[in-house]
């Protein structure tokens, strides 16, 4: 059972890195005053919340002394959801650049 817990430090580091990336994307759109970014802003904001929740749940999973895996499962699902939102954001940015 403890072998699976070794994966969650990786989720913590990956989600914190992607959280920083989302902040950079959101800030760059605000600084450059892009006009057509409302949907991109919203998807990036949702991804930020997902990665922040994933970081928190992953940390709680590592700190949890009980053998339950509730934090681990939720952190994994939230992390994958955040990746989905980041993928949609990337596609929206790419399609916006092509126009």
PDB file of N, CA and C in Angstrom:
ATOM      1  N   UNK A   1       0.795  -1.196   0.000  1.00  0.00           N
ATOM      2  CA  UNK A   1       0.000   0.000   0.000  1.00  0.00           C
ATOM      3  C   UNK A   1       0.835   1.257   0.000  1.00  0.00           C
ATOM      4  N   UNK A   2       1.976   1.233   0.641  1.00  0.00           N
ATOM      5  CA  UNK A   2       2.780   2.441   0.725  1.00  0.00           C
ATOM      6  C   UNK A   2       3.540   2.716  -0.568  1.00  0.00           C
ATOM      7  N   UNK A   3       3.634   1.745  -1.480  1.00  0.00           N
ATOM      8  CA  UNK A   3       4.329   1.956  -2.742  1.00  0.00           C
ATOM      9  C   UNK A   3       3.631   2.964  -3.628  1.00  0.00           C
ATOM     10  N   UNK A   4       2.300   3.027  -3.548  1.00  0.00           N
ATOM     11  CA  UNK A   4       1.536   3.961  -4.366  1.00  0.00           C
ATOM     12  C   UNK A   4       1.678   5.388  -3.879  1.00  0.00           C
ATOM     13  N   UNK A   5       1.983   5.606  -2.604  1.00  0.00           N
ATOM     14  CA  UNK A   5       2.143   6.960  -2.073  1.00  0.00           C
ATOM     15  C   UNK A   5       3.346   7.668  -2.674  1.00  0.00           C
ATOM     16  N   UNK A   6       4.275   6.922  -3.247  1.00  0.00           N
ATOM     17  CA  UNK A   6       5.450   7.543  -3.831  1.00  0.00           C
ATOM     18  C   UNK A   6       5.122   8.334  -5.090  1.00  0.00           C
ATOM     19  N   UNK A   7       3.970   8.134  -5.671  1.00  0.00           N
ATOM     20  CA  UNK A   7       3.580   8.878  -6.867  1.00  0.00           C
ATOM     21  C   UNK A   7       3.093  10.281  -6.534  1.00  0.00           C
ATOM     22  N   UNK A   8       2.638  10.525  -5.334  1.00  0.00           N
ATOM     23  CA  UNK A   8       2.011  11.796  -5.042  1.00  0.00           C
ATOM     24  C   UNK A   8       2.965  12.956  -4.827  1.00  0.00           C
ATOM     25  N   UNK A   9       4.217  12.733  -4.458  1.00  0.00           N
ATOM     26  CA  UNK A   9       5.149  13.872  -4.535  1.00  0.00           C
ATOM     27  C   UNK A   9       5.330  14.343  -5.975  1.00  0.00           C
ATOM     28  N   UNK A  10       5.213  13.432  -6.931  1.00  0.00           N
ATOM     29  CA  UNK A  10       5.326  13.827  -8.335  1.00  0.00           C
ATOM     30  C   UNK A  10       4.118  14.662  -8.767  1.00  0.00           C
ATOM     31  N   UNK A  11       2.940  14.315  -8.288  1.00  0.00           N
ATOM     32  CA  UNK A  11       1.758  15.124  -8.589  1.00  0.00           C
ATOM     33  C   UNK A  11       1.898  16.499  -7.951  1.00  0.00           C
ATOM     34  N   UNK A  12       2.449  16.549  -6.753  1.00  0.00           N
ATOM     35  CA  UNK A  12       2.639  17.837  -6.083  1.00  0.00           C
ATOM     36  C   UNK A  12       3.592  18.726  -6.874  1.00  0.00           C
ATOM     37  N   UNK A  13       4.714  18.192  -7.313  1.00  0.00           N
ATOM     38  CA  UNK A  13       5.673  19.021  -8.056  1.00  0.00           C
ATOM     39  C   UNK A  13       5.141  19.393  -9.437  1.00  0.00           C
ATOM     40  N   UNK A  14       4.495  18.454 -10.114  1.00  0.00           N
ATOM     41  CA  UNK A  14       3.962  18.759 -11.447  1.00  0.00           C
ATOM     42  C   UNK A  14       2.835  19.775 -11.373  1.00  0.00           C
ATOM     43  N   UNK A  15       1.934  19.618 -10.412  1.00  0.00           N
ATOM     44  CA  UNK A  15       0.819  20.559 -10.324  1.00  0.00           C
ATOM     45  C   UNK A  15       1.280  21.939  -9.885  1.00  0.00           C
ATOM     46  N   UNK A  16       2.288  22.015  -9.028  1.00  0.00           N
ATOM     47  CA  UNK A  16       2.788  23.337  -8.636  1.00  0.00           C
ATOM     48  C   UNK A  16       3.507  24.020  -9.799  1.00  0.00           C
ATOM     49  N   UNK A  17       4.211  23.249 -10.619  1.00  0.00           N
ATOM     50  CA  UNK A  17       4.858  23.827 -11.801  1.00  0.00           C
ATOM     51  C   UNK A  17       3.817  24.316 -12.807  1.00  0.00           C
ATOM     52  N   UNK A  18       2.782  23.512 -13.047  1.00  0.00           N
ATOM     53  CA  UNK A  18       1.732  23.912 -13.977  1.00  0.00           C
ATOM     54  C   UNK A  18       0.910  25.073 -13.422  1.00  0.00           C
ATOM     55  N   UNK A  19       0.798  25.153 -12.118  1.00  0.00           N
ATOM     56  CA  UNK A  19       0.134  26.292 -11.490  1.00  0.00           C
ATOM     57  C   UNK A  19       0.887  27.578 -11.811  1.00  0.00           C
ATOM     58  N   UNK A  20       2.200  27.536 -11.691  1.00  0.00           N
ATOM     59  CA  UNK A  20       3.012  28.700 -12.047  1.00  0.00           C
ATOM     60  C   UNK A  20       2.891  29.059 -13.508  1.00  0.00           C
ATOM     61  N   UNK A  21       2.845  28.062 -14.370  1.00  0.00           N
ATOM     62  CA  UNK A  21       2.683  28.298 -15.809  1.00  0.00           C
ATOM     63  C   UNK A  21       1.353  28.983 -16.092  1.00  0.00           C
ATOM     64  N   UNK A  22       0.298  28.528 -15.435  1.00  0.00           N
ATOM     65  CA  UNK A  22      -1.015  29.153 -15.636  1.00  0.00           C
ATOM     66  C   UNK A  22      -1.018  30.605 -15.180  1.00  0.00           C
ATOM     67  N   UNK A  23      -0.335  30.891 -14.072  1.00  0.00           N
ATOM     68  CA  UNK A  23      -0.232  32.281 -13.628  1.00  0.00           C
ATOM     69  C   UNK A  23       0.514  33.136 -14.641  1.00  0.00           C
ATOM     70  N   UNK A  24       1.550  32.590 -15.257  1.00  0.00           N
ATOM     71  CA  UNK A  24       2.302  33.327 -16.279  1.00  0.00           C
ATOM     72  C   UNK A  24       1.418  33.601 -17.485  1.00  0.00           C
ATOM     73  N   UNK A  25       0.647  32.602 -17.924  1.00  0.00           N
ATOM     74  CA  UNK A  25      -0.254  32.784 -19.068  1.00  0.00           C
ATOM     75  C   UNK A  25      -1.299  33.846 -18.756  1.00  0.00           C
ATOM     76  N   UNK A  26      -1.929  33.747 -17.600  1.00  0.00           N
ATOM     77  CA  UNK A  26      -2.965  34.706 -17.232  1.00  0.00           C
ATOM     78  C   UNK A  26      -2.396  36.116 -17.116  1.00  0.00           C
ATOM     79  N   UNK A  27      -1.235  36.252 -16.503  1.00  0.00           N
ATOM     80  CA  UNK A  27      -0.606  37.562 -16.346  1.00  0.00           C
ATOM     81  C   UNK A  27      -0.189  38.146 -17.690  1.00  0.00           C
ATOM     82  N   UNK A  28       0.313  37.301 -18.580  1.00  0.00           N
ATOM     83  CA  UNK A  28       0.748  37.819 -19.885  1.00  0.00           C
ATOM     84  C   UNK A  28      -0.426  38.342 -20.702  1.00  0.00           C
ATOM     85  N   UNK A  29      -1.584  37.714 -20.575  1.00  0.00           N
ATOM     86  CA  UNK A  29      -2.752  38.235 -21.278  1.00  0.00           C
ATOM     87  C   UNK A  29      -3.215  39.555 -20.681  1.00  0.00           C
ATOM     88  N   UNK A  30      -3.124  39.686 -19.379  1.00  0.00           N
ATOM     89  CA  UNK A  30      -3.540  40.937 -18.734  1.00  0.00           C
ATOM     90  C   UNK A  30      -2.569  42.069 -19.057  1.00  0.00           C
ATOM     91  N   UNK A  31      -1.272  41.787 -19.074  1.00  0.00           N
ATOM     92  CA  UNK A  31      -0.271  42.819 -19.335  1.00  0.00           C
ATOM     93  C   UNK A  31      -0.336  43.294 -20.782  1.00  0.00           C
ATOM     94  N   UNK A  32      -0.559  42.371 -21.713  1.00  0.00           N
ATOM     95  CA  UNK A  32      -0.578  42.719 -23.139  1.00  0.00           C
ATOM     96  C   UNK A  32      -1.929  43.232 -23.614  1.00  0.00           C
ATOM     97  N   UNK A  33      -2.920  43.289 -22.732  1.00  0.00           N
ATOM     98  CA  UNK A  33      -4.252  43.818 -23.054  1.00  0.00           C
ATOM     99  C   UNK A  33      -4.880  43.166 -24.282  1.00  0.00           C
ATOM    100  N   UNK A  34      -4.848  41.850 -24.341  1.00  0.00           N
ATOM    101  CA  UNK A  34      -5.523  41.151 -25.429  1.00  0.00           C
ATOM    102  C   UNK A  34      -7.026  41.307 -25.277  1.00  0.00           C
ATOM    103  N   UNK A  35      -7.697  41.519 -26.387  1.00  0.00           N
ATOM    104  CA  UNK A  35      -9.137  41.802 -26.355  1.00  0.00           C
ATOM    105  C   UNK A  35      -9.980  40.524 -26.290  1.00  0.00           C
ATOM    106  N   UNK A  36      -9.614  39.489 -26.999  1.00  0.00           N
ATOM    107  CA  UNK A  36     -10.445  38.288 -27.142  1.00  0.00           C
ATOM    108  C   UNK A  36      -9.992  37.176 -26.205  1.00  0.00           C
ATOM    109  N   UNK A  37      -9.793  37.487 -24.967  1.00  0.00           N
ATOM    110  CA  UNK A  37      -9.243  36.483 -24.056  1.00  0.00           C
ATOM    111  C   UNK A  37     -10.200  36.094 -22.944  1.00  0.00           C
ATOM    112  N   UNK A  38     -11.474  36.451 -23.040  1.00  0.00           N
ATOM    113  CA  UNK A  38     -12.359  36.163 -21.910  1.00  0.00           C
ATOM    114  C   UNK A  38     -12.510  34.665 -21.678  1.00  0.00           C
ATOM    115  N   UNK A  39     -12.669  33.888 -22.731  1.00  0.00           N
ATOM    116  CA  UNK A  39     -12.796  32.430 -22.575  1.00  0.00           C
ATOM    117  C   UNK A  39     -11.466  31.841 -22.137  1.00  0.00           C
ATOM    118  N   UNK A  40     -10.377  32.319 -22.706  1.00  0.00           N
ATOM    119  CA  UNK A  40      -9.052  31.823 -22.326  1.00  0.00           C
ATOM    120  C   UNK A  40      -8.767  32.157 -20.873  1.00  0.00           C
ATOM    121  N   UNK A  41      -9.137  33.362 -20.441  1.00  0.00           N
ATOM    122  CA  UNK A  41      -8.974  33.750 -19.039  1.00  0.00           C
ATOM    123  C   UNK A  41      -9.760  32.827 -18.112  1.00  0.00           C
ATOM    124  N   UNK A  42     -10.976  32.510 -18.504  1.00  0.00           N
ATOM    125  CA  UNK A  42     -11.819  31.667 -17.660  1.00  0.00           C
ATOM    126  C   UNK A  42     -11.259  30.254 -17.553  1.00  0.00           C
ATOM    127  N   UNK A  43     -10.849  29.676 -18.675  1.00  0.00           N
ATOM    128  CA  UNK A  43     -10.282  28.335 -18.635  1.00  0.00           C
ATOM    129  C   UNK A  43      -8.967  28.307 -17.860  1.00  0.00           C
ATOM    130  N   UNK A  44      -8.159  29.347 -18.015  1.00  0.00           N
ATOM    131  CA  UNK A  44      -6.906  29.420 -17.262  1.00  0.00           C
ATOM    132  C   UNK A  44      -7.175  29.568 -15.769  1.00  0.00           C
ATOM    133  N   UNK A  45      -8.185  30.346 -15.421  1.00  0.00           N
ATOM    134  CA  UNK A  45      -8.535  30.511 -14.003  1.00  0.00           C
ATOM    135  C   UNK A  45      -9.029  29.206 -13.398  1.00  0.00           C
ATOM    136  N   UNK A  46      -9.822  28.454 -14.147  1.00  0.00           N
ATOM    137  CA  UNK A  46     -10.288  27.149 -13.655  1.00  0.00           C
ATOM    138  C   UNK A  46      -9.103  26.199 -13.495  1.00  0.00           C
ATOM    139  N   UNK A  47      -8.168  26.224 -14.451  1.00  0.00           N
ATOM    140  CA  UNK A  47      -6.976  25.375 -14.345  1.00  0.00           C
ATOM    141  C   UNK A  47      -6.154  25.757 -13.113  1.00  0.00           C
ATOM    142  N   UNK A  48      -6.067  27.054 -12.813  1.00  0.00           N
ATOM    143  CA  UNK A  48      -5.342  27.505 -11.619  1.00  0.00           C
ATOM    144  C   UNK A  48      -5.984  26.926 -10.362  1.00  0.00           C
ATOM    145  N   UNK A  49      -7.299  26.980 -10.290  1.00  0.00           N
ATOM    146  CA  UNK A  49      -8.000  26.436  -9.121  1.00  0.00           C
ATOM    147  C   UNK A  49      -7.782  24.925  -9.029  1.00  0.00           C
ATOM    148  N   UNK A  50      -7.846  24.237 -10.167  1.00  0.00           N
ATOM    149  CA  UNK A  50      -7.643  22.782 -10.168  1.00  0.00           C
ATOM    150  C   UNK A  50      -6.235  22.414  -9.703  1.00  0.00           C
ATOM    151  N   UNK A  51      -5.227  23.098 -10.218  1.00  0.00           N
ATOM    152  CA  UNK A  51      -3.856  22.774  -9.830  1.00  0.00           C
ATOM    153  C   UNK A  51      -3.580  23.157  -8.371  1.00  0.00           C
ATOM    154  N   UNK A  52      -4.192  24.240  -7.907  1.00  0.00           N
ATOM    155  CA  UNK A  52      -4.042  24.606  -6.497  1.00  0.00           C
ATOM    156  C   UNK A  52      -4.676  23.541  -5.602  1.00  0.00           C
ATOM    157  N   UNK A  53      -5.866  23.084  -5.974  1.00  0.00           N
ATOM    158  CA  UNK A  53      -6.525  22.024  -5.198  1.00  0.00           C
ATOM    159  C   UNK A  53      -5.719  20.734  -5.258  1.00  0.00           C
ATOM    160  N   UNK A  54      -5.154  20.430  -6.406  1.00  0.00           N
ATOM    161  CA  UNK A  54      -4.331  19.229  -6.551  1.00  0.00           C
ATOM    162  C   UNK A  54      -3.088  19.310  -5.672  1.00  0.00           C
ATOM    163  N   UNK A  55      -2.466  20.473  -5.622  1.00  0.00           N
ATOM    164  CA  UNK A  55      -1.306  20.667  -4.736  1.00  0.00           C
ATOM    165  C   UNK A  55      -1.697  20.435  -3.283  1.00  0.00           C
ATOM    166  N   UNK A  56      -2.793  21.031  -2.880  1.00  0.00           N
ATOM    167  CA  UNK A  56      -3.241  20.905  -1.491  1.00  0.00           C
ATOM    168  C   UNK A  56      -3.587  19.454  -1.152  1.00  0.00           C
ATOM    169  N   UNK A  57      -4.340  18.793  -2.016  1.00  0.00           N
ATOM    170  CA  UNK A  57      -4.731  17.411  -1.750  1.00  0.00           C
ATOM    171  C   UNK A  57      -3.537  16.465  -1.776  1.00  0.00           C
ATOM    172  N   UNK A  58      -2.600  16.719  -2.673  1.00  0.00           N
ATOM    173  CA  UNK A  58      -1.405  15.886  -2.725  1.00  0.00           C
ATOM    174  C   UNK A  58      -0.575  16.060  -1.464  1.00  0.00           C
ATOM    175  N   UNK A  59      -0.473  17.281  -0.996  1.00  0.00           N
ATOM    176  CA  UNK A  59       0.259  17.536   0.243  1.00  0.00           C
ATOM    177  C   UNK A  59      -0.438  16.858   1.423  1.00  0.00           C
ATOM    178  N   UNK A  60      -1.751  16.986   1.499  1.00  0.00           N
ATOM    179  CA  UNK A  60      -2.490  16.341   2.574  1.00  0.00           C
ATOM    180  C   UNK A  60      -2.360  14.826   2.501  1.00  0.00           C
ATOM    181  N   UNK A  61      -2.278  14.289   1.298  1.00  0.00           N
ATOM    182  CA  UNK A  61      -2.107  12.853   1.128  1.00  0.00           C
ATOM    183  C   UNK A  61      -0.772  12.387   1.686  1.00  0.00           C
ATOM    184  N   UNK A  62       0.267  13.172   1.469  1.00  0.00           N
ATOM    185  CA  UNK A  62       1.577  12.802   2.002  1.00  0.00           C
ATOM    186  C   UNK A  62       1.629  12.947   3.520  1.00  0.00           C
ATOM    187  N   UNK A  63       0.918  13.930   4.049  1.00  0.00           N
ATOM    188  CA  UNK A  63       0.938  14.184   5.493  1.00  0.00           C
ATOM    189  C   UNK A  63      -0.001  13.263   6.262  1.00  0.00           C
ATOM    190  N   UNK A  64      -0.944  12.647   5.564  1.00  0.00           N
ATOM    191  CA  UNK A  64      -1.937  11.795   6.208  1.00  0.00           C
ATOM    192  C   UNK A  64      -1.277  10.515   6.720  1.00  0.00           C
ATOM    193  N   UNK A  65      -1.419  10.254   7.993  1.00  0.00           N
ATOM    194  CA  UNK A  65      -0.817   9.060   8.584  1.00  0.00           C
ATOM    195  C   UNK A  65      -1.747   7.857   8.503  1.00  0.00           C
ATOM    196  N   UNK A  66      -2.988   8.081   8.159  1.00  0.00           N
ATOM    197  CA  UNK A  66      -3.955   6.992   8.060  1.00  0.00           C
ATOM    198  C   UNK A  66      -3.811   6.320   6.698  1.00  0.00           C
ATOM    199  N   UNK A  67      -4.115   5.040   6.598  1.00  0.00           N
ATOM    200  CA  UNK A  67      -3.917   4.326   5.335  1.00  0.00           C
ATOM    201  C   UNK A  67      -4.963   4.625   4.270  1.00  0.00           C
ATOM    202  N   UNK A  68      -5.960   5.454   4.559  1.00  0.00           N
ATOM    203  CA  UNK A  68      -6.989   5.757   3.570  1.00  0.00           C
ATOM    204  C   UNK A  68      -6.413   6.497   2.362  1.00  0.00           C
ATOM    205  N   UNK A  69      -7.037   6.292   1.229  1.00  0.00           N
ATOM    206  CA  UNK A  69      -6.525   6.879  -0.006  1.00  0.00           C
ATOM    207  C   UNK A  69      -7.479   7.917  -0.602  1.00  0.00           C
ATOM    208  N   UNK A  70      -8.319   8.500   0.200  1.00  0.00           N
ATOM    209  CA  UNK A  70      -9.290   9.458  -0.324  1.00  0.00           C
ATOM    210  C   UNK A  70      -8.604  10.684  -0.909  1.00  0.00           C
ATOM    211  N   UNK A  71      -7.643  11.247  -0.197  1.00  0.00           N
ATOM    212  CA  UNK A  71      -6.924  12.415  -0.710  1.00  0.00           C
ATOM    213  C   UNK A  71      -6.173  12.072  -1.992  1.00  0.00           C
ATOM    214  N   UNK A  72      -5.588  10.885  -2.032  1.00  0.00           N
ATOM    215  CA  UNK A  72      -4.800  10.472  -3.197  1.00  0.00           C
ATOM    216  C   UNK A  72      -5.662  10.387  -4.445  1.00  0.00           C
ATOM    217  N   UNK A  73      -6.817   9.744  -4.324  1.00  0.00           N
ATOM    218  CA  UNK A  73      -7.700   9.577  -5.487  1.00  0.00           C
ATOM    219  C   UNK A  73      -8.235  10.910  -5.977  1.00  0.00           C
ATOM    220  N   UNK A  74      -8.647  11.755  -5.039  1.00  0.00           N
ATOM    221  CA  UNK A  74      -9.194  13.058  -5.425  1.00  0.00           C
ATOM    222  C   UNK A  74      -8.107  13.934  -6.033  1.00  0.00           C
ATOM    223  N   UNK A  75      -6.900  13.899  -5.471  1.00  0.00           N
ATOM    224  CA  UNK A  75      -5.790  14.683  -6.024  1.00  0.00           C
ATOM    225  C   UNK A  75      -5.484  14.256  -7.446  1.00  0.00           C
ATOM    226  N   UNK A  76      -5.529  12.966  -7.704  1.00  0.00           N
ATOM    227  CA  UNK A  76      -5.269  12.450  -9.041  1.00  0.00           C
ATOM    228  C   UNK A  76      -6.334  12.901 -10.034  1.00  0.00           C
ATOM    229  N   UNK A  77      -7.595  12.819  -9.637  1.00  0.00           N
ATOM    230  CA  UNK A  77      -8.698  13.228 -10.516  1.00  0.00           C
ATOM    231  C   UNK A  77      -8.658  14.733 -10.774  1.00  0.00           C
ATOM    232  N   UNK A  78      -8.406  15.504  -9.729  1.00  0.00           N
ATOM    233  CA  UNK A  78      -8.352  16.966  -9.884  1.00  0.00           C
ATOM    234  C   UNK A  78      -7.169  17.365 -10.762  1.00  0.00           C
ATOM    235  N   UNK A  79      -6.033  16.683 -10.602  1.00  0.00           N
ATOM    236  CA  UNK A  79      -4.866  16.971 -11.429  1.00  0.00           C
ATOM    237  C   UNK A  79      -5.165  16.688 -12.907  1.00  0.00           C
ATOM    238  N   UNK A  80      -5.790  15.552 -13.187  1.00  0.00           N
ATOM    239  CA  UNK A  80      -6.133  15.234 -14.575  1.00  0.00           C
ATOM    240  C   UNK A  80      -7.154  16.216 -15.141  1.00  0.00           C
ATOM    241  N   UNK A  81      -8.076  16.679 -14.312  1.00  0.00           N
ATOM    242  CA  UNK A  81      -9.030  17.694 -14.758  1.00  0.00           C
ATOM    243  C   UNK A  81      -8.324  19.008 -15.083  1.00  0.00           C
ATOM    244  N   UNK A  82      -7.371  19.373 -14.242  1.00  0.00           N
ATOM    245  CA  UNK A  82      -6.583  20.579 -14.508  1.00  0.00           C
ATOM    246  C   UNK A  82      -5.801  20.467 -15.805  1.00  0.00           C
ATOM    247  N   UNK A  83      -5.254  19.272 -16.073  1.00  0.00           N
ATOM    248  CA  UNK A  83      -4.568  19.063 -17.352  1.00  0.00           C
ATOM    249  C   UNK A  83      -5.526  19.220 -18.521  1.00  0.00           C
ATOM    250  N   UNK A  84      -6.746  18.755 -18.350  1.00  0.00           N
ATOM    251  CA  UNK A  84      -7.753  18.928 -19.402  1.00  0.00           C
ATOM    252  C   UNK A  84      -8.050  20.390 -19.672  1.00  0.00           C
ATOM    253  N   UNK A  85      -8.220  21.163 -18.613  1.00  0.00           N
ATOM    254  CA  UNK A  85      -8.465  22.599 -18.788  1.00  0.00           C
ATOM    255  C   UNK A  85      -7.255  23.298 -19.393  1.00  0.00           C
ATOM    256  N   UNK A  86      -6.069  22.878 -19.025  1.00  0.00           N
ATOM    257  CA  UNK A  86      -4.859  23.468 -19.602  1.00  0.00           C
ATOM    258  C   UNK A  86      -4.743  23.115 -21.086  1.00  0.00           C
ATOM    259  N   UNK A  87      -5.161  21.904 -21.451  1.00  0.00           N
ATOM    260  CA  UNK A  87      -5.170  21.512 -22.863  1.00  0.00           C
ATOM    261  C   UNK A  87      -6.137  22.384 -23.661  1.00  0.00           C
ATOM    262  N   UNK A  88      -7.334  22.597 -23.127  1.00  0.00           N
ATOM    263  CA  UNK A  88      -8.312  23.448 -23.814  1.00  0.00           C
ATOM    264  C   UNK A  88      -7.770  24.872 -23.942  1.00  0.00           C
ATOM    265  N   UNK A  89      -7.141  25.371 -22.893  1.00  0.00           N
ATOM    266  CA  UNK A  89      -6.550  26.713 -22.934  1.00  0.00           C
ATOM    267  C   UNK A  89      -5.477  26.797 -24.012  1.00  0.00           C
ATOM    268  N   UNK A  90      -4.640  25.772 -24.092  1.00  0.00           N
ATOM    269  CA  UNK A  90      -3.592  25.751 -25.112  1.00  0.00           C
ATOM    270  C   UNK A  90      -4.186  25.746 -26.514  1.00  0.00           C
ATOM    271  N   UNK A  91      -5.228  24.967 -26.711  1.00  0.00           N
ATOM    272  CA  UNK A  91      -5.867  24.937 -28.029  1.00  0.00           C
ATOM    273  C   UNK A  91      -6.510  26.286 -28.366  1.00  0.00           C
ATOM    274  N   UNK A  92      -7.128  26.925 -27.391  1.00  0.00           N
ATOM    275  CA  UNK A  92      -7.737  28.237 -27.634  1.00  0.00           C
ATOM    276  C   UNK A  92      -6.674  29.276 -27.972  1.00  0.00           C
ATOM    277  N   UNK A  93      -5.548  29.238 -27.289  1.00  0.00           N
ATOM    278  CA  UNK A  93      -4.456  30.171 -27.593  1.00  0.00           C
ATOM    279  C   UNK A  93      -3.917  29.908 -28.979  1.00  0.00           C
ATOM    280  N   UNK A  94      -3.728  28.645 -29.315  1.00  0.00           N
ATOM    281  CA  UNK A  94      -3.214  28.289 -30.631  1.00  0.00           C
ATOM    282  C   UNK A  94      -4.160  28.724 -31.733  1.00  0.00           C
ATOM    283  N   UNK A  95      -5.445  28.484 -31.579  1.00  0.00           N
ATOM    284  CA  UNK A  95      -6.406  28.870 -32.587  1.00  0.00           C
ATOM    285  C   UNK A  95      -6.562  30.382 -32.666  1.00  0.00           C
ATOM    286  N   UNK A  96      -6.374  31.065 -31.553  1.00  0.00           N
ATOM    287  CA  UNK A  96      -6.446  32.520 -31.543  1.00  0.00           C
ATOM    288  C   UNK A  96      -5.243  33.134 -32.250  1.00  0.00           C
ATOM    289  N   UNK A  97      -4.093  32.485 -32.166  1.00  0.00           N
ATOM    290  CA  UNK A  97      -2.892  32.987 -32.820  1.00  0.00           C
ATOM    291  C   UNK A  97      -2.995  32.799 -34.334  1.00  0.00           C
ATOM    292  N   UNK A  98      -3.649  31.718 -34.766  1.00  0.00           N
ATOM    293  CA  UNK A  98      -3.761  31.438 -36.197  1.00  0.00           C
ATOM    294  C   UNK A  98      -4.657  32.473 -36.883  1.00  0.00           C
ATOM    295  N   UNK A  99      -5.677  32.981 -36.198  1.00  0.00           N
ATOM    296  CA  UNK A  99      -6.612  33.953 -36.810  1.00  0.00           C
ATOM    297  C   UNK A  99      -5.925  35.145 -37.292  1.00  0.00           C
TER     298      UNK A  99
END
